[in-house]
């Protein structure tokens, strides 16, 4: 059920990033085997600062239901980070964080077709 939110500098192509994040989530084996519960979306930023010099960045936020161990969350973040490295970007910061969604406060409704 992860919500994978990719924030990146606008000079990078989100269409290239999204499948890699999806693949990393799939390779973690923490979610449905067909990937049907993995949601990936991106936000491209035109305006940002990265220290004193403006450089490209990709930051992935993986929001998952609580209950996973620290080891599972670490493995998920490193698996996604490994996939992002396939882009072979230079002068680009790649970061991944995992955030728990409290099960008690999460609601979901999916309308059928």
PDB file of N, CA and C in Angstrom:
ATOM      1  N   UNK A   1       0.791  -1.199   0.000  1.00  0.00           N
ATOM      2  CA  UNK A   1       0.000   0.000   0.000  1.00  0.00           C
ATOM      3  C   UNK A   1       0.825   1.250   0.000  1.00  0.00           C
ATOM      4  N   UNK A   2       2.078   1.159  -0.321  1.00  0.00           N
ATOM      5  CA  UNK A   2       2.877   2.367  -0.155  1.00  0.00           C
ATOM      6  C   UNK A   2       2.419   3.499  -1.067  1.00  0.00           C
ATOM      7  N   UNK A   3       2.539   4.701  -0.541  1.00  0.00           N
ATOM      8  CA  UNK A   3       2.408   5.909  -1.338  1.00  0.00           C
ATOM      9  C   UNK A   3       3.831   6.395  -1.531  1.00  0.00           C
ATOM     10  N   UNK A   4       4.319   6.323  -2.750  1.00  0.00           N
ATOM     11  CA  UNK A   4       5.688   6.721  -3.078  1.00  0.00           C
ATOM     12  C   UNK A   4       5.626   8.094  -3.731  1.00  0.00           C
ATOM     13  N   UNK A   5       6.104   9.084  -3.020  1.00  0.00           N
ATOM     14  CA  UNK A   5       6.046  10.459  -3.504  1.00  0.00           C
ATOM     15  C   UNK A   5       7.465  10.884  -3.861  1.00  0.00           C
ATOM     16  N   UNK A   6       7.668  11.168  -5.126  1.00  0.00           N
ATOM     17  CA  UNK A   6       8.991  11.534  -5.625  1.00  0.00           C
ATOM     18  C   UNK A   6       9.031  13.037  -5.829  1.00  0.00           C
ATOM     19  N   UNK A   7       9.900  13.700  -5.106  1.00  0.00           N
ATOM     20  CA  UNK A   7      10.152  15.125  -5.315  1.00  0.00           C
ATOM     21  C   UNK A   7      11.477  15.220  -6.062  1.00  0.00           C
ATOM     22  N   UNK A   8      11.512  16.045  -7.105  1.00  0.00           N
ATOM     23  CA  UNK A   8      12.759  16.144  -7.884  1.00  0.00           C
ATOM     24  C   UNK A   8      12.874  17.499  -8.557  1.00  0.00           C
ATOM     25  N   UNK A   9      14.089  17.840  -8.910  1.00  0.00           N
ATOM     26  CA  UNK A   9      14.307  19.080  -9.652  1.00  0.00           C
ATOM     27  C   UNK A   9      13.674  18.929 -11.035  1.00  0.00           C
ATOM     28  N   UNK A  10      13.132  20.023 -11.534  1.00  0.00           N
ATOM     29  CA  UNK A  10      12.374  19.998 -12.792  1.00  0.00           C
ATOM     30  C   UNK A  10      13.238  19.646 -13.997  1.00  0.00           C
ATOM     31  N   UNK A  11      14.534  19.769 -13.875  1.00  0.00           N
ATOM     32  CA  UNK A  11      15.410  19.426 -15.001  1.00  0.00           C
ATOM     33  C   UNK A  11      15.514  17.915 -15.206  1.00  0.00           C
ATOM     34  N   UNK A  12      15.008  17.132 -14.246  1.00  0.00           N
ATOM     35  CA  UNK A  12      15.018  15.673 -14.369  1.00  0.00           C
ATOM     36  C   UNK A  12      13.657  15.197 -14.865  1.00  0.00           C
ATOM     37  N   UNK A  13      13.647  14.108 -15.601  1.00  0.00           N
ATOM     38  CA  UNK A  13      12.421  13.572 -16.196  1.00  0.00           C
ATOM     39  C   UNK A  13      11.753  12.603 -15.225  1.00  0.00           C
ATOM     40  N   UNK A  14      10.629  13.009 -14.661  1.00  0.00           N
ATOM     41  CA  UNK A  14       9.890  12.173 -13.733  1.00  0.00           C
ATOM     42  C   UNK A  14       9.457  10.854 -14.344  1.00  0.00           C
ATOM     43  N   UNK A  15       9.201  10.832 -15.648  1.00  0.00           N
ATOM     44  CA  UNK A  15       8.782   9.598 -16.318  1.00  0.00           C
ATOM     45  C   UNK A  15       9.876   8.532 -16.277  1.00  0.00           C
ATOM     46  N   UNK A  16      11.123   8.945 -16.142  1.00  0.00           N
ATOM     47  CA  UNK A  16      12.226   7.984 -16.008  1.00  0.00           C
ATOM     48  C   UNK A  16      12.406   7.527 -14.562  1.00  0.00           C
ATOM     49  N   UNK A  17      12.038   8.384 -13.639  1.00  0.00           N
ATOM     50  CA  UNK A  17      12.240   8.098 -12.210  1.00  0.00           C
ATOM     51  C   UNK A  17      11.161   7.166 -11.670  1.00  0.00           C
ATOM     52  N   UNK A  18       9.903   7.403 -12.033  1.00  0.00           N
ATOM     53  CA  UNK A  18       8.782   6.660 -11.465  1.00  0.00           C
ATOM     54  C   UNK A  18       8.908   5.138 -11.591  1.00  0.00           C
ATOM     55  N   UNK A  19       9.258   4.599 -12.772  1.00  0.00           N
ATOM     56  CA  UNK A  19       9.368   3.135 -12.867  1.00  0.00           C
ATOM     57  C   UNK A  19      10.461   2.553 -11.979  1.00  0.00           C
ATOM     58  N   UNK A  20      11.510   3.320 -11.742  1.00  0.00           N
ATOM     59  CA  UNK A  20      12.592   2.842 -10.877  1.00  0.00           C
ATOM     60  C   UNK A  20      12.145   2.768  -9.423  1.00  0.00           C
ATOM     61  N   UNK A  21      11.380   3.764  -8.993  1.00  0.00           N
ATOM     62  CA  UNK A  21      10.848   3.742  -7.627  1.00  0.00           C
ATOM     63  C   UNK A  21       9.869   2.579  -7.483  1.00  0.00           C
ATOM     64  N   UNK A  22       9.014   2.382  -8.472  1.00  0.00           N
ATOM     65  CA  UNK A  22       8.077   1.257  -8.453  1.00  0.00           C
ATOM     66  C   UNK A  22       8.833  -0.065  -8.378  1.00  0.00           C
ATOM     67  N   UNK A  23       9.867  -0.195  -9.185  1.00  0.00           N
ATOM     68  CA  UNK A  23      10.663  -1.419  -9.200  1.00  0.00           C
ATOM     69  C   UNK A  23      11.326  -1.674  -7.847  1.00  0.00           C
ATOM     70  N   UNK A  24      11.841  -0.630  -7.230  1.00  0.00           N
ATOM     71  CA  UNK A  24      12.451  -0.774  -5.908  1.00  0.00           C
ATOM     72  C   UNK A  24      11.453  -1.242  -4.874  1.00  0.00           C
ATOM     73  N   UNK A  25      10.248  -0.689  -4.923  1.00  0.00           N
ATOM     74  CA  UNK A  25       9.204  -1.116  -3.991  1.00  0.00           C
ATOM     75  C   UNK A  25       8.830  -2.573  -4.243  1.00  0.00           C
ATOM     76  N   UNK A  26       8.745  -2.965  -5.506  1.00  0.00           N
ATOM     77  CA  UNK A  26       8.437  -4.353  -5.842  1.00  0.00           C
ATOM     78  C   UNK A  26       9.525  -5.303  -5.348  1.00  0.00           C
ATOM     79  N   UNK A  27      10.782  -4.929  -5.561  1.00  0.00           N
ATOM     80  CA  UNK A  27      11.896  -5.794  -5.172  1.00  0.00           C
ATOM     81  C   UNK A  27      11.999  -5.969  -3.663  1.00  0.00           C
ATOM     82  N   UNK A  28      11.400  -5.073  -2.912  1.00  0.00           N
ATOM     83  CA  UNK A  28      11.436  -5.201  -1.450  1.00  0.00           C
ATOM     84  C   UNK A  28      10.613  -6.393  -0.973  1.00  0.00           C
ATOM     85  N   UNK A  29       9.653  -6.830  -1.778  1.00  0.00           N
ATOM     86  CA  UNK A  29       8.752  -7.942  -1.443  1.00  0.00           C
ATOM     87  C   UNK A  29       7.927  -7.670  -0.182  1.00  0.00           C
ATOM     88  N   UNK A  30       7.694  -6.397   0.117  1.00  0.00           N
ATOM     89  CA  UNK A  30       6.884  -6.028   1.285  1.00  0.00           C
ATOM     90  C   UNK A  30       5.420  -5.769   0.927  1.00  0.00           C
ATOM     91  N   UNK A  31       5.110  -5.772  -0.370  1.00  0.00           N
ATOM     92  CA  UNK A  31       3.786  -5.370  -0.813  1.00  0.00           C
ATOM     93  C   UNK A  31       3.174  -6.459  -1.697  1.00  0.00           C
ATOM     94  N   UNK A  32       1.988  -6.205  -2.266  1.00  0.00           N
ATOM     95  CA  UNK A  32       1.322  -7.196  -3.110  1.00  0.00           C
ATOM     96  C   UNK A  32       2.265  -7.650  -4.235  1.00  0.00           C
ATOM     97  N   UNK A  33       2.248  -8.937  -4.533  1.00  0.00           N
ATOM     98  CA  UNK A  33       3.183  -9.489  -5.520  1.00  0.00           C
ATOM     99  C   UNK A  33       2.957  -8.951  -6.935  1.00  0.00           C
ATOM    100  N   UNK A  34       1.738  -8.463  -7.220  1.00  0.00           N
ATOM    101  CA  UNK A  34       1.477  -7.901  -8.548  1.00  0.00           C
ATOM    102  C   UNK A  34       1.694  -6.388  -8.596  1.00  0.00           C
ATOM    103  N   UNK A  35       2.048  -5.790  -7.456  1.00  0.00           N
ATOM    104  CA  UNK A  35       2.300  -4.356  -7.412  1.00  0.00           C
ATOM    105  C   UNK A  35       1.053  -3.497  -7.422  1.00  0.00           C
ATOM    106  N   UNK A  36      -0.117  -4.112  -7.320  1.00  0.00           N
ATOM    107  CA  UNK A  36      -1.368  -3.364  -7.437  1.00  0.00           C
ATOM    108  C   UNK A  36      -1.591  -2.369  -6.304  1.00  0.00           C
ATOM    109  N   UNK A  37      -0.881  -2.523  -5.206  1.00  0.00           N
ATOM    110  CA  UNK A  37      -1.070  -1.607  -4.074  1.00  0.00           C
ATOM    111  C   UNK A  37      -0.013  -0.517  -4.006  1.00  0.00           C
ATOM    112  N   UNK A  38       0.895  -0.476  -4.972  1.00  0.00           N
ATOM    113  CA  UNK A  38       1.981   0.511  -4.966  1.00  0.00           C
ATOM    114  C   UNK A  38       1.550   1.722  -5.797  1.00  0.00           C
ATOM    115  N   UNK A  39       1.560   2.895  -5.171  1.00  0.00           N
ATOM    116  CA  UNK A  39       1.183   4.127  -5.847  1.00  0.00           C
ATOM    117  C   UNK A  39       2.418   5.025  -5.923  1.00  0.00           C
ATOM    118  N   UNK A  40       2.765   5.480  -7.110  1.00  0.00           N
ATOM    119  CA  UNK A  40       3.956   6.297  -7.306  1.00  0.00           C
ATOM    120  C   UNK A  40       3.570   7.560  -8.055  1.00  0.00           C
ATOM    121  N   UNK A  41       3.988   8.699  -7.540  1.00  0.00           N
ATOM    122  CA  UNK A  41       3.704   9.972  -8.204  1.00  0.00           C
ATOM    123  C   UNK A  41       4.880  10.913  -7.982  1.00  0.00           C
ATOM    124  N   UNK A  42       4.970  11.921  -8.825  1.00  0.00           N
ATOM    125  CA  UNK A  42       6.108  12.835  -8.689  1.00  0.00           C
ATOM    126  C   UNK A  42       5.673  14.291  -8.704  1.00  0.00           C
ATOM    127  N   UNK A  43       6.519  15.088  -8.094  1.00  0.00           N
ATOM    128  CA  UNK A  43       6.361  16.535  -8.071  1.00  0.00           C
ATOM    129  C   UNK A  43       7.696  17.122  -8.526  1.00  0.00           C
ATOM    130  N   UNK A  44       7.659  17.893  -9.605  1.00  0.00           N
ATOM    131  CA  UNK A  44       8.875  18.530 -10.117  1.00  0.00           C
ATOM    132  C   UNK A  44       8.937  19.962  -9.601  1.00  0.00           C
ATOM    133  N   UNK A  45      10.084  20.324  -9.071  1.00  0.00           N
ATOM    134  CA  UNK A  45      10.267  21.658  -8.503  1.00  0.00           C
ATOM    135  C   UNK A  45      11.111  22.523  -9.428  1.00  0.00           C
ATOM    136  N   UNK A  46      10.550  23.682  -9.775  1.00  0.00           N
ATOM    137  CA  UNK A  46      11.285  24.704 -10.529  1.00  0.00           C
ATOM    138  C   UNK A  46      12.124  25.555  -9.588  1.00  0.00           C
ATOM    139  N   UNK A  47      11.544  25.850  -8.433  1.00  0.00           N
ATOM    140  CA  UNK A  47      12.172  26.762  -7.476  1.00  0.00           C
ATOM    141  C   UNK A  47      12.640  25.996  -6.252  1.00  0.00           C
ATOM    142  N   UNK A  48      13.943  25.996  -6.012  1.00  0.00           N
ATOM    143  CA  UNK A  48      14.521  25.302  -4.860  1.00  0.00           C
ATOM    144  C   UNK A  48      15.971  25.756  -4.670  1.00  0.00           C
ATOM    145  N   UNK A  49      16.477  25.507  -3.506  1.00  0.00           N
ATOM    146  CA  UNK A  49      17.886  25.736  -3.196  1.00  0.00           C
ATOM    147  C   UNK A  49      18.490  24.439  -2.694  1.00  0.00           C
ATOM    148  N   UNK A  50      19.721  24.184  -3.068  1.00  0.00           N
ATOM    149  CA  UNK A  50      20.445  23.014  -2.569  1.00  0.00           C
ATOM    150  C   UNK A  50      21.820  23.479  -2.087  1.00  0.00           C
ATOM    151  N   UNK A  51      21.810  24.193  -0.988  1.00  0.00           N
ATOM    152  CA  UNK A  51      23.063  24.771  -0.505  1.00  0.00           C
ATOM    153  C   UNK A  51      23.398  26.020  -1.294  1.00  0.00           C
ATOM    154  N   UNK A  52      24.669  26.270  -1.487  1.00  0.00           N
ATOM    155  CA  UNK A  52      25.095  27.494  -2.168  1.00  0.00           C
ATOM    156  C   UNK A  52      25.050  27.375  -3.688  1.00  0.00           C
ATOM    157  N   UNK A  53      25.059  26.148  -4.192  1.00  0.00           N
ATOM    158  CA  UNK A  53      24.969  25.933  -5.635  1.00  0.00           C
ATOM    159  C   UNK A  53      23.720  25.116  -5.926  1.00  0.00           C
ATOM    160  N   UNK A  54      22.993  25.516  -6.916  1.00  0.00           N
ATOM    161  CA  UNK A  54      21.785  24.786  -7.279  1.00  0.00           C
ATOM    162  C   UNK A  54      22.186  23.526  -8.054  1.00  0.00           C
ATOM    163  N   UNK A  55      21.801  22.375  -7.530  1.00  0.00           N
ATOM    164  CA  UNK A  55      22.086  21.119  -8.222  1.00  0.00           C
ATOM    165  C   UNK A  55      20.844  20.241  -8.198  1.00  0.00           C
ATOM    166  N   UNK A  56      20.829  19.259  -9.070  1.00  0.00           N
ATOM    167  CA  UNK A  56      19.675  18.369  -9.181  1.00  0.00           C
ATOM    168  C   UNK A  56      19.502  17.523  -7.925  1.00  0.00           C
ATOM    169  N   UNK A  57      18.257  17.088  -7.708  1.00  0.00           N
ATOM    170  CA  UNK A  57      17.972  16.227  -6.569  1.00  0.00           C
ATOM    171  C   UNK A  57      16.779  15.334  -6.874  1.00  0.00           C
ATOM    172  N   UNK A  58      16.764  14.194  -6.195  1.00  0.00           N
ATOM    173  CA  UNK A  58      15.592  13.316  -6.144  1.00  0.00           C
ATOM    174  C   UNK A  58      15.435  12.929  -4.682  1.00  0.00           C
ATOM    175  N   UNK A  59      14.260  13.181  -4.140  1.00  0.00           N
ATOM    176  CA  UNK A  59      13.941  12.767  -2.775  1.00  0.00           C
ATOM    177  C   UNK A  59      12.665  11.948  -2.830  1.00  0.00           C
ATOM    178  N   UNK A  60      12.743  10.705  -2.347  1.00  0.00           N
ATOM    179  CA  UNK A  60      11.593   9.807  -2.373  1.00  0.00           C
ATOM    180  C   UNK A  60      11.079   9.620  -0.950  1.00  0.00           C
ATOM    181  N   UNK A  61       9.789   9.856  -0.786  1.00  0.00           N
ATOM    182  CA  UNK A  61       9.107   9.634   0.489  1.00  0.00           C
ATOM    183  C   UNK A  61       8.240   8.395   0.305  1.00  0.00           C
ATOM    184  N   UNK A  62       8.499   7.375   1.107  1.00  0.00           N
ATOM    185  CA  UNK A  62       7.738   6.135   1.043  1.00  0.00           C
ATOM    186  C   UNK A  62       6.846   6.058   2.274  1.00  0.00           C
ATOM    187  N   UNK A  63       5.567   6.301   2.096  1.00  0.00           N
ATOM    188  CA  UNK A  63       4.621   6.246   3.210  1.00  0.00           C
ATOM    189  C   UNK A  63       3.996   4.862   3.231  1.00  0.00           C
ATOM    190  N   UNK A  64       4.223   4.140   4.339  1.00  0.00           N
ATOM    191  CA  UNK A  64       3.738   2.774   4.458  1.00  0.00           C
ATOM    192  C   UNK A  64       2.957   2.608   5.762  1.00  0.00           C
ATOM    193  N   UNK A  65       2.039   1.640   5.777  1.00  0.00           N
ATOM    194  CA  UNK A  65       1.303   1.372   7.007  1.00  0.00           C
ATOM    195  C   UNK A  65       2.250   0.906   8.097  1.00  0.00           C
ATOM    196  N   UNK A  66       2.008   1.361   9.310  1.00  0.00           N
ATOM    197  CA  UNK A  66       2.863   1.012  10.446  1.00  0.00           C
ATOM    198  C   UNK A  66       2.856  -0.494  10.690  1.00  0.00           C
ATOM    199  N   UNK A  67       3.891  -0.964  11.363  1.00  0.00           N
ATOM    200  CA  UNK A  67       3.994  -2.370  11.696  1.00  0.00           C
ATOM    201  C   UNK A  67       5.217  -3.057  11.130  1.00  0.00           C
ATOM    202  N   UNK A  68       5.911  -2.416  10.192  1.00  0.00           N
ATOM    203  CA  UNK A  68       7.130  -2.990   9.635  1.00  0.00           C
ATOM    204  C   UNK A  68       8.287  -2.762  10.600  1.00  0.00           C
ATOM    205  N   UNK A  69       9.261  -3.646  10.580  1.00  0.00           N
ATOM    206  CA  UNK A  69      10.427  -3.510  11.449  1.00  0.00           C
ATOM    207  C   UNK A  69      11.384  -2.465  10.884  1.00  0.00           C
ATOM    208  N   UNK A  70      12.299  -2.014  11.720  1.00  0.00           N
ATOM    209  CA  UNK A  70      13.326  -1.071  11.262  1.00  0.00           C
ATOM    210  C   UNK A  70      14.164  -1.688  10.153  1.00  0.00           C
ATOM    211  N   UNK A  71      14.466  -2.967  10.262  1.00  0.00           N
ATOM    212  CA  UNK A  71      15.241  -3.639   9.213  1.00  0.00           C
ATOM    213  C   UNK A  71      14.480  -3.662   7.886  1.00  0.00           C
ATOM    214  N   UNK A  72      13.178  -3.919   7.930  1.00  0.00           N
ATOM    215  CA  UNK A  72      12.376  -3.919   6.704  1.00  0.00           C
ATOM    216  C   UNK A  72      12.345  -2.529   6.077  1.00  0.00           C
ATOM    217  N   UNK A  73      12.191  -1.506   6.900  1.00  0.00           N
ATOM    218  CA  UNK A  73      12.148  -0.135   6.379  1.00  0.00           C
ATOM    219  C   UNK A  73      13.512   0.264   5.793  1.00  0.00           C
ATOM    220  N   UNK A  74      14.578  -0.146   6.444  1.00  0.00           N
ATOM    221  CA  UNK A  74      15.923   0.148   5.926  1.00  0.00           C
ATOM    222  C   UNK A  74      16.134  -0.558   4.587  1.00  0.00           C
ATOM    223  N   UNK A  75      15.732  -1.815   4.508  1.00  0.00           N
ATOM    224  CA  UNK A  75      15.868  -2.567   3.265  1.00  0.00           C
ATOM    225  C   UNK A  75      15.057  -1.915   2.148  1.00  0.00           C
ATOM    226  N   UNK A  76      13.850  -1.452   2.455  1.00  0.00           N
ATOM    227  CA  UNK A  76      13.014  -0.773   1.460  1.00  0.00           C
ATOM    228  C   UNK A  76      13.700   0.480   0.937  1.00  0.00           C
ATOM    229  N   UNK A  77      14.213   1.303   1.839  1.00  0.00           N
ATOM    230  CA  UNK A  77      14.848   2.552   1.392  1.00  0.00           C
ATOM    231  C   UNK A  77      16.101   2.272   0.566  1.00  0.00           C
ATOM    232  N   UNK A  78      16.899   1.293   0.957  1.00  0.00           N
ATOM    233  CA  UNK A  78      18.119   1.000   0.186  1.00  0.00           C
ATOM    234  C   UNK A  78      17.795   0.339  -1.151  1.00  0.00           C
ATOM    235  N   UNK A  79      16.728  -0.440  -1.199  1.00  0.00           N
ATOM    236  CA  UNK A  79      16.324  -1.064  -2.463  1.00  0.00           C
ATOM    237  C   UNK A  79      15.887  -0.005  -3.469  1.00  0.00           C
ATOM    238  N   UNK A  80      15.110   0.966  -3.014  1.00  0.00           N
ATOM    239  CA  UNK A  80      14.685   2.054  -3.898  1.00  0.00           C
ATOM    240  C   UNK A  80      15.892   2.899  -4.302  1.00  0.00           C
ATOM    241  N   UNK A  81      16.767   3.205  -3.368  1.00  0.00           N
ATOM    242  CA  UNK A  81      17.961   3.993  -3.677  1.00  0.00           C
ATOM    243  C   UNK A  81      18.836   3.286  -4.711  1.00  0.00           C
ATOM    244  N   UNK A  82      18.983   1.985  -4.582  1.00  0.00           N
ATOM    245  CA  UNK A  82      19.766   1.214  -5.551  1.00  0.00           C
ATOM    246  C   UNK A  82      19.167   1.333  -6.950  1.00  0.00           C
ATOM    247  N   UNK A  83      17.840   1.269  -7.041  1.00  0.00           N
ATOM    248  CA  UNK A  83      17.188   1.415  -8.344  1.00  0.00           C
ATOM    249  C   UNK A  83      17.434   2.794  -8.940  1.00  0.00           C
ATOM    250  N   UNK A  84      17.383   3.838  -8.115  1.00  0.00           N
ATOM    251  CA  UNK A  84      17.601   5.197  -8.610  1.00  0.00           C
ATOM    252  C   UNK A  84      19.009   5.382  -9.172  1.00  0.00           C
ATOM    253  N   UNK A  85      19.949   4.636  -8.659  1.00  0.00           N
ATOM    254  CA  UNK A  85      21.336   4.748  -9.128  1.00  0.00           C
ATOM    255  C   UNK A  85      21.479   4.318 -10.581  1.00  0.00           C
ATOM    256  N   UNK A  86      20.499   3.577 -11.097  1.00  0.00           N
ATOM    257  CA  UNK A  86      20.527   3.184 -12.507  1.00  0.00           C
ATOM    258  C   UNK A  86      20.444   4.383 -13.446  1.00  0.00           C
ATOM    259  N   UNK A  87      19.987   5.517 -12.940  1.00  0.00           N
ATOM    260  CA  UNK A  87      19.916   6.733 -13.762  1.00  0.00           C
ATOM    261  C   UNK A  87      21.304   7.281 -14.084  1.00  0.00           C
ATOM    262  N   UNK A  88      22.296   6.894 -13.298  1.00  0.00           N
ATOM    263  CA  UNK A  88      23.680   7.339 -13.476  1.00  0.00           C
ATOM    264  C   UNK A  88      23.773   8.869 -13.601  1.00  0.00           C
ATOM    265  N   UNK A  89      23.139   9.555 -12.657  1.00  0.00           N
ATOM    266  CA  UNK A  89      23.158  11.015 -12.641  1.00  0.00           C
ATOM    267  C   UNK A  89      24.422  11.516 -11.964  1.00  0.00           C
ATOM    268  N   UNK A  90      24.911  12.639 -12.440  1.00  0.00           N
ATOM    269  CA  UNK A  90      26.084  13.274 -11.836  1.00  0.00           C
ATOM    270  C   UNK A  90      25.647  14.584 -11.190  1.00  0.00           C
ATOM    271  N   UNK A  91      26.300  14.952 -10.125  1.00  0.00           N
ATOM    272  CA  UNK A  91      25.951  16.180  -9.398  1.00  0.00           C
ATOM    273  C   UNK A  91      24.475  16.201  -9.027  1.00  0.00           C
ATOM    274  N   UNK A  92      24.012  15.087  -8.477  1.00  0.00           N
ATOM    275  CA  UNK A  92      22.605  14.944  -8.108  1.00  0.00           C
ATOM    276  C   UNK A  92      22.526  14.233  -6.764  1.00  0.00           C
ATOM    277  N   UNK A  93      21.742  14.787  -5.860  1.00  0.00           N
ATOM    278  CA  UNK A  93      21.520  14.176  -4.551  1.00  0.00           C
ATOM    279  C   UNK A  93      20.343  13.220  -4.636  1.00  0.00           C
ATOM    280  N   UNK A  94      20.553  11.977  -4.183  1.00  0.00           N
ATOM    281  CA  UNK A  94      19.494  10.974  -4.142  1.00  0.00           C
ATOM    282  C   UNK A  94      19.228  10.636  -2.685  1.00  0.00           C
ATOM    283  N   UNK A  95      17.996  10.807  -2.238  1.00  0.00           N
ATOM    284  CA  UNK A  95      17.636  10.475  -0.862  1.00  0.00           C
ATOM    285  C   UNK A  95      16.296   9.746  -0.836  1.00  0.00           C
ATOM    286  N   UNK A  96      16.159   8.867   0.159  1.00  0.00           N
ATOM    287  CA  UNK A  96      14.932   8.086   0.329  1.00  0.00           C
ATOM    288  C   UNK A  96      14.618   8.030   1.810  1.00  0.00           C
ATOM    289  N   UNK A  97      13.356   8.267   2.166  1.00  0.00           N
ATOM    290  CA  UNK A  97      12.942   8.130   3.555  1.00  0.00           C
ATOM    291  C   UNK A  97      11.655   7.318   3.618  1.00  0.00           C
ATOM    292  N   UNK A  98      11.498   6.578   4.707  1.00  0.00           N
ATOM    293  CA  UNK A  98      10.307   5.778   4.938  1.00  0.00           C
ATOM    294  C   UNK A  98       9.564   6.376   6.125  1.00  0.00           C
ATOM    295  N   UNK A  99       8.274   6.614   5.940  1.00  0.00           N
ATOM    296  CA  UNK A  99       7.440   7.215   6.975  1.00  0.00           C
ATOM    297  C   UNK A  99       6.269   6.286   7.256  1.00  0.00           C
ATOM    298  N   UNK A 100       6.036   6.009   8.527  1.00  0.00           N
ATOM    299  CA  UNK A 100       4.890   5.182   8.921  1.00  0.00           C
ATOM    300  C   UNK A 100       3.591   5.978   8.858  1.00  0.00           C
ATOM    301  N   UNK A 101       2.554   5.333   8.327  1.00  0.00           N
ATOM    302  CA  UNK A 101       1.186   5.831   8.414  1.00  0.00           C
ATOM    303  C   UNK A 101       0.525   5.006   9.513  1.00  0.00           C
ATOM    304  N   UNK A 102       0.008   5.670  10.507  1.00  0.00           N
ATOM    305  CA  UNK A 102      -0.640   4.948  11.601  1.00  0.00           C
ATOM    306  C   UNK A 102      -1.892   4.246  11.095  1.00  0.00           C
ATOM    307  N   UNK A 103      -1.955   2.943  11.288  1.00  0.00           N
ATOM    308  CA  UNK A 103      -3.099   2.152  10.826  1.00  0.00           C
ATOM    309  C   UNK A 103      -4.425   2.652  11.407  1.00  0.00           C
ATOM    310  N   UNK A 104      -4.399   3.053  12.673  1.00  0.00           N
ATOM    311  CA  UNK A 104      -5.627   3.470  13.359  1.00  0.00           C
ATOM    312  C   UNK A 104      -6.242   4.721  12.740  1.00  0.00           C
ATOM    313  N   UNK A 105      -5.434   5.543  12.080  1.00  0.00           N
ATOM    314  CA  UNK A 105      -5.960   6.792  11.535  1.00  0.00           C
ATOM    315  C   UNK A 105      -6.025   6.807  10.008  1.00  0.00           C
ATOM    316  N   UNK A 106      -5.740   5.691   9.358  1.00  0.00           N
ATOM    317  CA  UNK A 106      -5.747   5.628   7.894  1.00  0.00           C
ATOM    318  C   UNK A 106      -7.093   5.118   7.399  1.00  0.00           C
ATOM    319  N   UNK A 107      -7.660   5.815   6.436  1.00  0.00           N
ATOM    320  CA  UNK A 107      -8.918   5.403   5.820  1.00  0.00           C
ATOM    321  C   UNK A 107      -8.707   5.296   4.324  1.00  0.00           C
ATOM    322  N   UNK A 108      -9.430   4.361   3.700  1.00  0.00           N
ATOM    323  CA  UNK A 108      -9.273   4.161   2.265  1.00  0.00           C
ATOM    324  C   UNK A 108     -10.591   3.723   1.667  1.00  0.00           C
ATOM    325  N   UNK A 109     -10.907   4.222   0.475  1.00  0.00           N
ATOM    326  CA  UNK A 109     -12.082   3.809  -0.276  1.00  0.00           C
ATOM    327  C   UNK A 109     -11.698   3.768  -1.734  1.00  0.00           C
ATOM    328  N   UNK A 110     -11.962   2.659  -2.397  1.00  0.00           N
ATOM    329  CA  UNK A 110     -11.689   2.537  -3.820  1.00  0.00           C
ATOM    330  C   UNK A 110     -13.023   2.303  -4.520  1.00  0.00           C
ATOM    331  N   UNK A 111     -13.387   3.209  -5.421  1.00  0.00           N
ATOM    332  CA  UNK A 111     -14.624   3.061  -6.191  1.00  0.00           C
ATOM    333  C   UNK A 111     -14.372   2.122  -7.351  1.00  0.00           C
ATOM    334  N   UNK A 112     -15.282   1.209  -7.598  1.00  0.00           N
ATOM    335  CA  UNK A 112     -15.175   0.293  -8.733  1.00  0.00           C
ATOM    336  C   UNK A 112     -15.487   0.989 -10.030  1.00  0.00           C
ATOM    337  N   UNK A 113     -15.177   0.330 -11.119  1.00  0.00           N
ATOM    338  CA  UNK A 113     -15.423   0.891 -12.452  1.00  0.00           C
ATOM    339  C   UNK A 113     -16.858   0.748 -12.849  1.00  0.00           C
TER     340      UNK A 113
END
